[in-house]
Amino acid sequence: MPRFYRLKEIIGDRKKGISPIIPVSRASWYAGIKAGKYPKPIRLSKRTVAWREDDIKTLCEKLSEGVV
């Protein structure tokens, strides 16, 4: 079964003590999705979206290589 990340797991949440995987703001994250820089979310239910673990890992690799 594939693993999914919710937005707060990706960009972090200081109030809940969640460290970011990719330290950007919520607005920057969604602007990056719109620009094609970041992966699009998957709808898990009517009000819930998440991102595939593989997509986030691939993005992290590209960011570390300076490709994105």
N, C-alpha and C. Protein backbone atom coordinates (compact mmCIF):
# COMPACT_ATOMS: atom_id res chain seq x y z
N MET A 1 0.84 -1.18 0.00
CA MET A 1 0.00 0.00 0.00
C MET A 1 0.89 1.25 0.00
N PRO A 2 0.63 2.16 -0.92
CA PRO A 2 1.49 3.36 -1.00
C PRO A 2 1.30 4.28 0.21
N ARG A 3 2.36 4.98 0.53
CA ARG A 3 2.35 5.95 1.64
C ARG A 3 2.03 7.31 1.06
N PHE A 4 1.26 8.08 1.79
CA PHE A 4 0.90 9.43 1.39
C PHE A 4 1.32 10.42 2.46
N TYR A 5 1.65 11.64 2.03
CA TYR A 5 1.98 12.73 2.95
C TYR A 5 0.90 13.79 2.86
N ARG A 6 0.47 14.28 4.00
CA ARG A 6 -0.43 15.42 4.05
C ARG A 6 0.43 16.68 3.99
N LEU A 7 -0.18 17.82 3.69
CA LEU A 7 0.56 19.06 3.49
C LEU A 7 1.41 19.44 4.70
N LYS A 8 0.87 19.30 5.90
CA LYS A 8 1.63 19.69 7.10
C LYS A 8 2.86 18.82 7.31
N GLU A 9 2.84 17.59 6.80
CA GLU A 9 4.02 16.73 6.89
C GLU A 9 5.09 17.19 5.90
N ILE A 10 4.67 17.80 4.80
CA ILE A 10 5.61 18.24 3.77
C ILE A 10 6.23 19.59 4.13
N ILE A 11 5.37 20.57 4.43
CA ILE A 11 5.89 21.92 4.70
C ILE A 11 6.09 22.20 6.18
N GLY A 12 5.69 21.27 7.04
CA GLY A 12 5.90 21.41 8.48
C GLY A 12 4.80 22.22 9.15
N ASP A 13 4.80 22.16 10.47
CA ASP A 13 3.85 22.90 11.29
C ASP A 13 4.53 23.21 12.61
N ARG A 14 4.93 24.45 12.79
CA ARG A 14 5.65 24.85 14.00
C ARG A 14 4.83 24.64 15.26
N LYS A 15 3.53 24.93 15.20
CA LYS A 15 2.67 24.80 16.38
C LYS A 15 2.60 23.36 16.87
N LYS A 16 2.63 22.41 15.95
CA LYS A 16 2.53 21.00 16.31
C LYS A 16 3.90 20.32 16.39
N GLY A 17 4.96 21.09 16.15
CA GLY A 17 6.31 20.55 16.24
C GLY A 17 6.69 19.61 15.11
N ILE A 18 6.08 19.80 13.94
CA ILE A 18 6.37 18.95 12.78
C ILE A 18 7.43 19.65 11.93
N SER A 19 8.57 19.02 11.76
CA SER A 19 9.65 19.58 10.94
C SER A 19 9.29 19.42 9.46
N PRO A 20 9.63 20.41 8.65
CA PRO A 20 9.31 20.32 7.22
C PRO A 20 10.25 19.39 6.46
N ILE A 21 9.71 18.74 5.46
CA ILE A 21 10.52 17.99 4.50
C ILE A 21 11.05 19.00 3.48
N ILE A 22 10.15 19.89 3.06
CA ILE A 22 10.49 20.96 2.12
C ILE A 22 10.06 22.27 2.78
N PRO A 23 11.01 23.08 3.23
CA PRO A 23 10.68 24.29 3.99
C PRO A 23 10.22 25.46 3.13
N VAL A 24 8.96 25.43 2.74
CA VAL A 24 8.36 26.54 2.00
C VAL A 24 7.02 26.86 2.66
N SER A 25 6.49 28.03 2.36
CA SER A 25 5.19 28.40 2.91
C SER A 25 4.08 27.67 2.14
N ARG A 26 2.91 27.67 2.73
CA ARG A 26 1.74 27.06 2.09
C ARG A 26 1.47 27.72 0.73
N ALA A 27 1.53 29.06 0.70
CA ALA A 27 1.28 29.79 -0.54
C ALA A 27 2.32 29.44 -1.61
N SER A 28 3.59 29.35 -1.21
CA SER A 28 4.65 28.99 -2.16
C SER A 28 4.47 27.57 -2.66
N TRP A 29 4.04 26.66 -1.78
CA TRP A 29 3.81 25.27 -2.18
C TRP A 29 2.74 25.20 -3.27
N TYR A 30 1.59 25.86 -3.03
CA TYR A 30 0.52 25.81 -4.02
C TYR A 30 0.87 26.58 -5.29
N ALA A 31 1.65 27.64 -5.19
CA ALA A 31 2.13 28.34 -6.39
C ALA A 31 3.05 27.43 -7.19
N GLY A 32 3.88 26.65 -6.49
CA GLY A 32 4.77 25.70 -7.15
C GLY A 32 4.00 24.59 -7.86
N ILE A 33 2.89 24.16 -7.28
CA ILE A 33 2.05 23.16 -7.93
C ILE A 33 1.46 23.74 -9.20
N LYS A 34 0.94 24.96 -9.09
CA LYS A 34 0.33 25.63 -10.25
C LYS A 34 1.35 25.83 -11.37
N ALA A 35 2.60 26.13 -11.00
CA ALA A 35 3.66 26.36 -11.98
C ALA A 35 4.27 25.05 -12.52
N GLY A 36 3.87 23.92 -11.93
CA GLY A 36 4.42 22.64 -12.38
C GLY A 36 5.74 22.27 -11.72
N LYS A 37 6.15 23.03 -10.73
CA LYS A 37 7.41 22.79 -10.02
C LYS A 37 7.27 21.66 -9.00
N TYR A 38 6.11 21.58 -8.35
CA TYR A 38 5.83 20.57 -7.34
C TYR A 38 4.73 19.63 -7.83
N PRO A 39 4.69 18.40 -7.31
CA PRO A 39 3.68 17.44 -7.77
C PRO A 39 2.26 17.82 -7.34
N LYS A 40 1.31 17.41 -8.16
CA LYS A 40 -0.10 17.64 -7.85
C LYS A 40 -0.56 16.65 -6.78
N PRO A 41 -1.51 17.08 -5.96
CA PRO A 41 -2.01 16.18 -4.91
C PRO A 41 -2.97 15.13 -5.46
N ILE A 42 -3.18 14.11 -4.65
CA ILE A 42 -4.15 13.06 -4.93
C ILE A 42 -5.32 13.28 -3.97
N ARG A 43 -6.52 13.22 -4.48
CA ARG A 43 -7.69 13.39 -3.62
C ARG A 43 -8.01 12.05 -2.96
N LEU A 44 -7.93 12.01 -1.62
CA LEU A 44 -8.23 10.80 -0.87
C LEU A 44 -9.70 10.71 -0.49
N SER A 45 -10.33 11.85 -0.31
CA SER A 45 -11.76 11.92 -0.04
C SER A 45 -12.25 13.29 -0.49
N LYS A 46 -13.49 13.57 -0.22
CA LYS A 46 -14.08 14.83 -0.66
C LYS A 46 -13.31 16.05 -0.15
N ARG A 47 -12.81 15.98 1.09
CA ARG A 47 -12.12 17.13 1.70
C ARG A 47 -10.66 16.87 2.03
N THR A 48 -10.10 15.77 1.54
CA THR A 48 -8.74 15.40 1.92
C THR A 48 -7.87 15.18 0.69
N VAL A 49 -6.73 15.87 0.65
CA VAL A 49 -5.75 15.64 -0.40
C VAL A 49 -4.42 15.27 0.24
N ALA A 50 -3.61 14.55 -0.51
CA ALA A 50 -2.30 14.14 -0.03
C ALA A 50 -1.39 13.95 -1.24
N TRP A 51 -0.11 13.75 -0.96
CA TRP A 51 0.87 13.55 -2.01
C TRP A 51 1.52 12.19 -1.84
N ARG A 52 1.79 11.51 -2.95
CA ARG A 52 2.44 10.20 -2.90
C ARG A 52 3.86 10.34 -2.36
N GLU A 53 4.26 9.40 -1.55
CA GLU A 53 5.62 9.39 -0.98
C GLU A 53 6.66 9.40 -2.09
N ASP A 54 6.45 8.61 -3.14
CA ASP A 54 7.41 8.55 -4.25
C ASP A 54 7.57 9.91 -4.93
N ASP A 55 6.46 10.64 -5.09
CA ASP A 55 6.52 11.96 -5.71
C ASP A 55 7.33 12.93 -4.85
N ILE A 56 7.16 12.86 -3.54
CA ILE A 56 7.88 13.76 -2.64
C ILE A 56 9.37 13.39 -2.60
N LYS A 57 9.67 12.10 -2.58
CA LYS A 57 11.08 11.67 -2.60
C LYS A 57 11.77 12.11 -3.88
N THR A 58 11.08 11.96 -5.01
CA THR A 58 11.64 12.39 -6.29
C THR A 58 11.87 13.90 -6.29
N LEU A 59 10.92 14.66 -5.75
CA LEU A 59 11.07 16.11 -5.66
C LEU A 59 12.27 16.48 -4.79
N CYS A 60 12.44 15.81 -3.66
CA CYS A 60 13.59 16.08 -2.78
C CYS A 60 14.91 15.82 -3.49
N GLU A 61 14.97 14.75 -4.27
CA GLU A 61 16.18 14.44 -5.03
C GLU A 61 16.46 15.52 -6.05
N LYS A 62 15.43 15.96 -6.77
CA LYS A 62 15.60 17.02 -7.76
C LYS A 62 16.04 18.33 -7.11
N LEU A 63 15.45 18.65 -5.96
CA LEU A 63 15.83 19.87 -5.25
C LEU A 63 17.28 19.82 -4.79
N SER A 64 17.72 18.66 -4.32
CA SER A 64 19.11 18.54 -3.85
C SER A 64 20.10 18.60 -5.01
N GLU A 65 19.66 18.20 -6.19
CA GLU A 65 20.51 18.27 -7.38
C GLU A 65 20.44 19.63 -8.05
N GLY A 66 19.51 20.47 -7.61
CA GLY A 66 19.35 21.80 -8.20
C GLY A 66 18.60 21.79 -9.51
N VAL A 67 17.87 20.71 -9.79
CA VAL A 67 17.14 20.59 -11.05
C VAL A 67 15.86 21.42 -11.03
N VAL A 68 15.21 21.52 -9.88
CA VAL A 68 13.94 22.25 -9.78
C VAL A 68 14.20 23.66 -9.34
